[in-house]
Amino acid sequence: MFVKINGERHYLWRAVDHEGEVLESFVTKTRNKKAALKFIKKSMKRYGRPEIIVTDQLRSYGAALKDIGNADRQETGRWLNNRAENSHLPFRRRERAMQRFRRMRSLQKFAAVHASVFNHFNSERSLSSRATFKKNRAAALAEWRQLGTA
């Protein structure tokens, strides 16, 4: 994902699981093999080796995965990474409301916090009845408020 900070293009790398929850966020100035390798290693250290890694067709991913030894687990395709692309939308809405970012560090902090808050409150509305959705949302809010007082 491309993000501009003071007119300069930076890259926000995001790892998304099969349910659409953001697992990891990482900001870099470059979009090359070194940055991809650092991001993939960081994600794998925290969450373990995935069965399948779905990426866009950027060649840096393939080169980084070849170094790690997971090149056979990579899948690329026209619509395969839609889950990751759709996870950018709420982030973009929030970014516009904040009127962009000024520093790389503030972007990194915001991305990490935004992901955890969004993951906590977001539940697929279409998968449950209204009553169940409201009950889950109220439970998430109660848990959030409890964390704030602790």
N, C-alpha and C. Protein backbone atom coordinates (compact mmCIF):
# COMPACT_ATOMS: atom_id res chain seq x y z
N MET A 1 0.85 -1.17 0.00
CA MET A 1 0.00 0.00 0.00
C MET A 1 0.90 1.23 0.00
N PHE A 2 0.59 2.19 -0.85
CA PHE A 2 1.36 3.43 -0.95
C PHE A 2 0.77 4.48 -0.02
N VAL A 3 1.63 5.17 0.72
CA VAL A 3 1.21 6.24 1.61
C VAL A 3 2.17 7.40 1.43
N LYS A 4 1.64 8.60 1.30
CA LYS A 4 2.50 9.77 1.16
C LYS A 4 2.70 10.44 2.52
N ILE A 5 3.96 10.73 2.82
CA ILE A 5 4.31 11.45 4.04
C ILE A 5 5.11 12.66 3.60
N ASN A 6 4.56 13.84 3.81
CA ASN A 6 5.19 15.09 3.37
C ASN A 6 5.57 15.04 1.89
N GLY A 7 4.71 14.52 1.08
CA GLY A 7 4.92 14.48 -0.35
C GLY A 7 5.82 13.35 -0.84
N GLU A 8 6.41 12.58 0.07
CA GLU A 8 7.29 11.47 -0.28
C GLU A 8 6.52 10.16 -0.20
N ARG A 9 6.73 9.28 -1.16
CA ARG A 9 6.03 8.00 -1.17
C ARG A 9 6.72 7.01 -0.22
N HIS A 10 5.91 6.42 0.65
CA HIS A 10 6.36 5.36 1.54
C HIS A 10 5.46 4.16 1.31
N TYR A 11 5.85 3.03 1.86
CA TYR A 11 5.12 1.79 1.62
C TYR A 11 4.70 1.18 2.95
N LEU A 12 3.43 0.85 3.04
CA LEU A 12 2.88 0.20 4.22
C LEU A 12 2.63 -1.26 3.86
N TRP A 13 3.42 -2.14 4.44
CA TRP A 13 3.28 -3.57 4.21
C TRP A 13 2.31 -4.09 5.26
N ARG A 14 1.36 -4.91 4.86
CA ARG A 14 0.37 -5.44 5.81
C ARG A 14 0.16 -6.93 5.57
N ALA A 15 0.16 -7.68 6.66
CA ALA A 15 -0.14 -9.11 6.60
C ALA A 15 -1.58 -9.28 7.08
N VAL A 16 -2.38 -9.94 6.25
CA VAL A 16 -3.80 -10.14 6.56
C VAL A 16 -4.07 -11.64 6.56
N ASP A 17 -4.83 -12.11 7.56
CA ASP A 17 -5.12 -13.54 7.60
C ASP A 17 -6.31 -13.88 6.72
N HIS A 18 -6.72 -15.14 6.73
CA HIS A 18 -7.78 -15.62 5.84
C HIS A 18 -9.15 -15.03 6.17
N GLU A 19 -9.31 -14.45 7.36
CA GLU A 19 -10.58 -13.83 7.74
C GLU A 19 -10.59 -12.32 7.51
N GLY A 20 -9.48 -11.77 7.08
CA GLY A 20 -9.40 -10.35 6.81
C GLY A 20 -8.88 -9.52 7.96
N GLU A 21 -8.43 -10.16 9.04
CA GLU A 21 -7.87 -9.42 10.17
C GLU A 21 -6.42 -9.07 9.88
N VAL A 22 -6.04 -7.85 10.20
CA VAL A 22 -4.68 -7.40 9.97
C VAL A 22 -3.79 -7.97 11.08
N LEU A 23 -2.77 -8.71 10.69
CA LEU A 23 -1.87 -9.32 11.67
C LEU A 23 -0.66 -8.44 11.95
N GLU A 24 -0.11 -7.86 10.92
CA GLU A 24 1.15 -7.12 11.05
C GLU A 24 1.16 -5.93 10.11
N SER A 25 1.75 -4.82 10.55
CA SER A 25 1.93 -3.63 9.71
C SER A 25 3.38 -3.19 9.81
N PHE A 26 3.91 -2.70 8.70
CA PHE A 26 5.33 -2.34 8.66
C PHE A 26 5.52 -1.26 7.62
N VAL A 27 6.20 -0.16 7.96
CA VAL A 27 6.40 0.97 7.05
C VAL A 27 7.86 1.01 6.59
N THR A 28 8.06 1.19 5.27
CA THR A 28 9.41 1.32 4.72
C THR A 28 9.44 2.43 3.68
N LYS A 29 10.65 2.87 3.37
CA LYS A 29 10.82 3.86 2.31
C LYS A 29 10.97 3.19 0.95
N THR A 30 11.36 1.93 0.94
CA THR A 30 11.59 1.21 -0.31
C THR A 30 10.63 0.04 -0.45
N ARG A 31 10.50 -0.43 -1.66
CA ARG A 31 9.64 -1.58 -1.94
C ARG A 31 10.46 -2.60 -2.74
N ASN A 32 11.48 -3.14 -2.06
CA ASN A 32 12.40 -4.04 -2.73
C ASN A 32 12.51 -5.36 -1.96
N LYS A 33 13.43 -6.20 -2.39
CA LYS A 33 13.61 -7.52 -1.79
C LYS A 33 13.98 -7.42 -0.31
N LYS A 34 14.86 -6.47 0.02
CA LYS A 34 15.31 -6.31 1.40
C LYS A 34 14.13 -5.97 2.32
N ALA A 35 13.28 -5.04 1.90
CA ALA A 35 12.12 -4.65 2.70
C ALA A 35 11.12 -5.80 2.81
N ALA A 36 10.90 -6.50 1.70
CA ALA A 36 9.97 -7.64 1.71
C ALA A 36 10.48 -8.74 2.63
N LEU A 37 11.77 -9.00 2.58
CA LEU A 37 12.38 -10.04 3.42
C LEU A 37 12.24 -9.68 4.90
N LYS A 38 12.49 -8.43 5.23
CA LYS A 38 12.38 -7.98 6.62
C LYS A 38 10.94 -8.12 7.12
N PHE A 39 9.98 -7.72 6.28
CA PHE A 39 8.57 -7.82 6.66
C PHE A 39 8.12 -9.27 6.82
N ILE A 40 8.50 -10.11 5.87
CA ILE A 40 8.07 -11.52 5.93
C ILE A 40 8.69 -12.22 7.13
N LYS A 41 9.97 -11.96 7.39
CA LYS A 41 10.62 -12.57 8.55
C LYS A 41 9.96 -12.12 9.86
N LYS A 42 9.64 -10.84 9.93
CA LYS A 42 9.00 -10.29 11.13
C LYS A 42 7.63 -10.94 11.34
N SER A 43 6.86 -11.10 10.28
CA SER A 43 5.54 -11.71 10.38
C SER A 43 5.63 -13.18 10.75
N MET A 44 6.57 -13.89 10.13
CA MET A 44 6.70 -15.33 10.39
C MET A 44 7.23 -15.60 11.80
N LYS A 45 8.07 -14.71 12.29
CA LYS A 45 8.59 -14.88 13.65
C LYS A 45 7.45 -14.80 14.67
N ARG A 46 6.51 -13.90 14.39
CA ARG A 46 5.42 -13.69 15.33
C ARG A 46 4.28 -14.70 15.17
N TYR A 47 3.97 -15.09 13.92
CA TYR A 47 2.79 -15.92 13.67
C TYR A 47 3.11 -17.31 13.11
N GLY A 48 4.36 -17.62 12.87
CA GLY A 48 4.73 -18.94 12.35
C GLY A 48 4.63 -18.99 10.83
N ARG A 49 4.99 -20.12 10.27
CA ARG A 49 4.96 -20.29 8.82
C ARG A 49 3.54 -20.58 8.35
N PRO A 50 3.05 -19.80 7.41
CA PRO A 50 1.70 -20.04 6.88
C PRO A 50 1.70 -21.16 5.85
N GLU A 51 0.54 -21.75 5.64
CA GLU A 51 0.41 -22.79 4.61
C GLU A 51 0.52 -22.19 3.22
N ILE A 52 -0.15 -21.03 3.03
CA ILE A 52 -0.17 -20.36 1.74
C ILE A 52 0.11 -18.88 1.96
N ILE A 53 0.90 -18.28 1.09
CA ILE A 53 1.16 -16.85 1.14
C ILE A 53 0.63 -16.25 -0.16
N VAL A 54 -0.42 -15.46 -0.04
CA VAL A 54 -1.02 -14.82 -1.21
C VAL A 54 -0.47 -13.41 -1.30
N THR A 55 0.12 -13.07 -2.45
CA THR A 55 0.70 -11.75 -2.64
C THR A 55 0.25 -11.18 -3.98
N ASP A 56 0.56 -9.90 -4.18
CA ASP A 56 0.37 -9.36 -5.51
C ASP A 56 1.57 -9.82 -6.35
N GLN A 57 1.71 -9.33 -7.56
CA GLN A 57 2.72 -9.87 -8.45
C GLN A 57 4.06 -9.12 -8.39
N LEU A 58 4.30 -8.41 -7.30
CA LEU A 58 5.57 -7.74 -7.11
C LEU A 58 6.67 -8.81 -6.99
N ARG A 59 7.72 -8.65 -7.75
CA ARG A 59 8.77 -9.68 -7.81
C ARG A 59 9.60 -9.75 -6.53
N SER A 60 9.55 -8.71 -5.72
CA SER A 60 10.30 -8.70 -4.47
C SER A 60 9.82 -9.80 -3.53
N TYR A 61 8.52 -10.07 -3.54
CA TYR A 61 7.98 -11.14 -2.69
C TYR A 61 8.59 -12.49 -3.07
N GLY A 62 8.60 -12.79 -4.35
CA GLY A 62 9.14 -14.07 -4.81
C GLY A 62 10.60 -14.23 -4.46
N ALA A 63 11.39 -13.15 -4.63
CA ALA A 63 12.81 -13.19 -4.31
C ALA A 63 13.02 -13.39 -2.81
N ALA A 64 12.23 -12.70 -1.99
CA ALA A 64 12.36 -12.83 -0.53
C ALA A 64 11.93 -14.23 -0.08
N LEU A 65 10.86 -14.74 -0.64
CA LEU A 65 10.39 -16.07 -0.26
C LEU A 65 11.36 -17.15 -0.70
N LYS A 66 12.04 -16.92 -1.80
CA LYS A 66 13.04 -17.88 -2.28
C LYS A 66 14.20 -17.94 -1.28
N ASP A 67 14.60 -16.78 -0.74
CA ASP A 67 15.67 -16.74 0.27
C ASP A 67 15.29 -17.51 1.53
N ILE A 68 14.04 -17.39 1.93
CA ILE A 68 13.56 -18.06 3.14
C ILE A 68 13.35 -19.56 2.89
N GLY A 69 12.98 -19.89 1.66
CA GLY A 69 12.70 -21.28 1.33
C GLY A 69 11.22 -21.58 1.26
N ASN A 70 10.41 -20.55 1.08
CA ASN A 70 8.96 -20.71 1.00
C ASN A 70 8.41 -20.35 -0.37
N ALA A 71 9.22 -20.38 -1.38
CA ALA A 71 8.78 -19.97 -2.72
C ALA A 71 7.63 -20.84 -3.22
N ASP A 72 7.57 -22.10 -2.79
CA ASP A 72 6.51 -23.00 -3.23
C ASP A 72 5.16 -22.68 -2.60
N ARG A 73 5.16 -21.91 -1.53
CA ARG A 73 3.91 -21.58 -0.83
C ARG A 73 3.26 -20.29 -1.35
N GLN A 74 3.93 -19.57 -2.21
CA GLN A 74 3.42 -18.30 -2.72
C GLN A 74 2.38 -18.53 -3.81
N GLU A 75 1.29 -17.78 -3.72
CA GLU A 75 0.26 -17.78 -4.76
C GLU A 75 0.01 -16.34 -5.19
N THR A 76 -0.04 -16.11 -6.49
CA THR A 76 -0.38 -14.80 -7.01
C THR A 76 -1.48 -14.99 -8.04
N GLY A 77 -2.32 -14.03 -8.15
CA GLY A 77 -3.39 -14.11 -9.12
C GLY A 77 -4.17 -12.82 -9.14
N ARG A 78 -5.02 -12.70 -10.12
CA ARG A 78 -5.71 -11.45 -10.33
C ARG A 78 -6.63 -11.07 -9.17
N TRP A 79 -7.33 -12.04 -8.60
CA TRP A 79 -8.27 -11.71 -7.53
C TRP A 79 -7.91 -12.37 -6.20
N LEU A 80 -6.80 -13.04 -6.14
CA LEU A 80 -6.45 -13.77 -4.92
C LEU A 80 -6.17 -12.85 -3.73
N ASN A 81 -5.61 -11.68 -3.97
CA ASN A 81 -5.26 -10.81 -2.84
C ASN A 81 -6.34 -9.76 -2.56
N ASN A 82 -7.58 -10.01 -2.96
CA ASN A 82 -8.66 -9.06 -2.68
C ASN A 82 -8.86 -8.81 -1.19
N ARG A 83 -8.67 -9.84 -0.38
CA ARG A 83 -8.85 -9.68 1.07
C ARG A 83 -7.88 -8.63 1.61
N ALA A 84 -6.65 -8.66 1.16
CA ALA A 84 -5.66 -7.67 1.60
C ALA A 84 -6.01 -6.29 1.06
N GLU A 85 -6.41 -6.23 -0.21
CA GLU A 85 -6.76 -4.94 -0.82
C GLU A 85 -7.97 -4.31 -0.12
N ASN A 86 -8.95 -5.12 0.23
CA ASN A 86 -10.14 -4.60 0.90
C ASN A 86 -9.84 -4.16 2.33
N SER A 87 -8.80 -4.72 2.95
CA SER A 87 -8.45 -4.30 4.31
C SER A 87 -7.84 -2.90 4.30
N HIS A 88 -7.45 -2.38 3.13
CA HIS A 88 -6.91 -1.03 3.05
C HIS A 88 -8.01 0.03 3.15
N LEU A 89 -9.23 -0.31 2.81
CA LEU A 89 -10.30 0.69 2.71
C LEU A 89 -10.58 1.43 4.02
N PRO A 90 -10.80 0.72 5.15
CA PRO A 90 -11.04 1.46 6.40
C PRO A 90 -9.82 2.30 6.81
N PHE A 91 -8.64 1.81 6.50
CA PHE A 91 -7.42 2.56 6.80
C PHE A 91 -7.39 3.85 6.01
N ARG A 92 -7.74 3.78 4.73
CA ARG A 92 -7.75 4.98 3.88
C ARG A 92 -8.77 6.00 4.36
N ARG A 93 -9.95 5.53 4.79
CA ARG A 93 -10.98 6.44 5.32
C ARG A 93 -10.44 7.20 6.53
N ARG A 94 -9.79 6.48 7.42
CA ARG A 94 -9.25 7.09 8.64
C ARG A 94 -8.09 8.03 8.31
N GLU A 95 -7.29 7.64 7.33
CA GLU A 95 -6.16 8.47 6.90
C GLU A 95 -6.66 9.82 6.37
N ARG A 96 -7.72 9.80 5.57
CA ARG A 96 -8.28 11.04 5.04
C ARG A 96 -8.81 11.92 6.16
N ALA A 97 -9.44 11.31 7.16
CA ALA A 97 -9.97 12.09 8.28
C ALA A 97 -8.84 12.75 9.07
N MET A 98 -7.69 12.09 9.13
CA MET A 98 -6.55 12.64 9.86
C MET A 98 -5.77 13.65 9.03
N GLN A 99 -6.13 13.82 7.77
CA GLN A 99 -5.45 14.73 6.86
C GLN A 99 -3.98 14.36 6.66
N ARG A 100 -3.77 13.09 6.37
CA ARG A 100 -2.45 12.54 6.03
C ARG A 100 -1.52 12.44 7.24
N PHE A 101 -0.31 11.96 6.98
CA PHE A 101 0.67 11.76 8.04
C PHE A 101 1.86 12.69 7.82
N ARG A 102 2.54 13.04 8.90
CA ARG A 102 3.68 13.94 8.81
C ARG A 102 5.01 13.20 8.95
N ARG A 103 5.00 12.09 9.73
CA ARG A 103 6.24 11.35 9.98
C ARG A 103 6.01 9.86 9.81
N MET A 104 7.08 9.15 9.46
CA MET A 104 7.02 7.71 9.28
C MET A 104 6.66 7.00 10.59
N ARG A 105 7.19 7.50 11.67
CA ARG A 105 6.93 6.88 12.98
C ARG A 105 5.46 6.99 13.37
N SER A 106 4.85 8.15 13.10
CA SER A 106 3.43 8.30 13.44
C SER A 106 2.56 7.40 12.56
N LEU A 107 2.97 7.19 11.32
CA LEU A 107 2.25 6.26 10.45
C LEU A 107 2.34 4.84 10.98
N GLN A 108 3.54 4.44 11.42
CA GLN A 108 3.73 3.09 11.96
C GLN A 108 2.88 2.87 13.20
N LYS A 109 2.88 3.84 14.10
CA LYS A 109 2.08 3.74 15.33
C LYS A 109 0.60 3.67 15.00
N PHE A 110 0.16 4.57 14.11
CA PHE A 110 -1.25 4.59 13.74
C PHE A 110 -1.68 3.29 13.09
N ALA A 111 -0.87 2.75 12.19
CA ALA A 111 -1.22 1.51 11.49
C ALA A 111 -1.38 0.36 12.48
N ALA A 112 -0.49 0.27 13.45
CA ALA A 112 -0.57 -0.80 14.44
C ALA A 112 -1.82 -0.66 15.31
N VAL A 113 -2.07 0.53 15.81
CA VAL A 113 -3.23 0.75 16.68
C VAL A 113 -4.53 0.61 15.89
N HIS A 114 -4.58 1.17 14.70
CA HIS A 114 -5.80 1.09 13.89
C HIS A 114 -6.15 -0.36 13.60
N ALA A 115 -5.16 -1.18 13.28
CA ALA A 115 -5.41 -2.59 12.97
C ALA A 115 -5.99 -3.31 14.16
N SER A 116 -5.42 -3.09 15.35
CA SER A 116 -5.92 -3.81 16.52
C SER A 116 -7.33 -3.36 16.90
N VAL A 117 -7.61 -2.08 16.81
CA VAL A 117 -8.95 -1.58 17.13
C VAL A 117 -9.96 -2.07 16.10
N PHE A 118 -9.60 -2.00 14.82
CA PHE A 118 -10.51 -2.44 13.77
C PHE A 118 -10.79 -3.94 13.88
N ASN A 119 -9.74 -4.73 14.16
CA ASN A 119 -9.93 -6.17 14.32
C ASN A 119 -10.84 -6.48 15.50
N HIS A 120 -10.73 -5.69 16.56
CA HIS A 120 -11.53 -5.93 17.76
C HIS A 120 -13.02 -5.68 17.52
N PHE A 121 -13.33 -4.60 16.81
CA PHE A 121 -14.73 -4.21 16.64
C PHE A 121 -15.38 -4.73 15.36
N ASN A 122 -14.59 -5.09 14.37
CA ASN A 122 -15.16 -5.50 13.09
C ASN A 122 -15.62 -6.95 13.15
N SER A 123 -16.90 -7.16 12.89
CA SER A 123 -17.41 -8.52 12.72
C SER A 123 -18.30 -8.48 11.48
N GLU A 124 -18.23 -9.52 10.71
CA GLU A 124 -18.94 -9.54 9.44
C GLU A 124 -20.45 -9.49 9.68
N ARG A 125 -21.06 -8.39 9.36
CA ARG A 125 -22.49 -8.19 9.58
C ARG A 125 -23.32 -9.17 8.77
N SER A 126 -22.87 -9.51 7.58
CA SER A 126 -23.66 -10.36 6.71
C SER A 126 -23.69 -11.81 7.16
N LEU A 127 -22.82 -12.18 8.08
CA LEU A 127 -22.72 -13.57 8.51
C LEU A 127 -23.59 -13.91 9.73
N SER A 128 -24.22 -12.91 10.32
CA SER A 128 -25.03 -13.18 11.51
C SER A 128 -26.29 -12.33 11.51
N SER A 129 -27.21 -12.72 12.37
CA SER A 129 -28.47 -11.96 12.48
C SER A 129 -28.19 -10.64 13.19
N ARG A 130 -29.13 -9.73 13.11
CA ARG A 130 -28.96 -8.42 13.74
C ARG A 130 -28.79 -8.56 15.25
N ALA A 131 -29.58 -9.41 15.88
CA ALA A 131 -29.50 -9.59 17.34
C ALA A 131 -28.11 -10.11 17.75
N THR A 132 -27.61 -11.08 17.02
CA THR A 132 -26.29 -11.64 17.32
C THR A 132 -25.20 -10.59 17.09
N PHE A 133 -25.32 -9.84 16.00
CA PHE A 133 -24.35 -8.79 15.69
C PHE A 133 -24.31 -7.75 16.80
N LYS A 134 -25.48 -7.30 17.26
CA LYS A 134 -25.55 -6.29 18.32
C LYS A 134 -24.98 -6.82 19.63
N LYS A 135 -25.25 -8.09 19.93
CA LYS A 135 -24.73 -8.70 21.15
C LYS A 135 -23.20 -8.77 21.10
N ASN A 136 -22.65 -9.19 19.97
CA ASN A 136 -21.20 -9.27 19.82
C ASN A 136 -20.56 -7.89 19.88
N ARG A 137 -21.22 -6.91 19.27
CA ARG A 137 -20.69 -5.54 19.27
C ARG A 137 -20.69 -4.97 20.69
N ALA A 138 -21.77 -5.24 21.45
CA ALA A 138 -21.85 -4.76 22.84
C ALA A 138 -20.77 -5.44 23.70
N ALA A 139 -20.52 -6.72 23.46
CA ALA A 139 -19.48 -7.43 24.21
C ALA A 139 -18.10 -6.85 23.89
N ALA A 140 -17.85 -6.53 22.62
CA ALA A 140 -16.58 -5.95 22.22
C ALA A 140 -16.40 -4.57 22.87
N LEU A 141 -17.46 -3.79 22.90
CA LEU A 141 -17.39 -2.45 23.52
C LEU A 141 -17.16 -2.55 25.02
N ALA A 142 -17.83 -3.49 25.68
CA ALA A 142 -17.64 -3.68 27.12
C ALA A 142 -16.20 -4.10 27.42
N GLU A 143 -15.66 -5.00 26.60
CA GLU A 143 -14.28 -5.43 26.78
C GLU A 143 -13.32 -4.27 26.55
N TRP A 144 -13.60 -3.45 25.55
CA TRP A 144 -12.76 -2.28 25.25
C TRP A 144 -12.77 -1.30 26.42
N ARG A 145 -13.95 -1.05 26.96
CA ARG A 145 -14.05 -0.12 28.10
C ARG A 145 -13.33 -0.67 29.33
N GLN A 146 -13.39 -2.00 29.52
CA GLN A 146 -12.71 -2.62 30.63
C GLN A 146 -11.20 -2.49 30.48
N LEU A 147 -10.70 -2.59 29.26
CA LEU A 147 -9.27 -2.42 29.02
C LEU A 147 -8.83 -0.98 29.31
N GLY A 148 -9.72 -0.03 29.05
CA GLY A 148 -9.41 1.39 29.28
C GLY A 148 -9.30 1.73 30.74
N THR A 149 -10.02 1.01 31.61
CA THR A 149 -9.98 1.32 33.04
C THR A 149 -8.89 0.55 33.76
N ALA A 150 -8.35 -0.47 33.11
CA ALA A 150 -7.34 -1.31 33.78
C ALA A 150 -5.98 -0.66 33.83
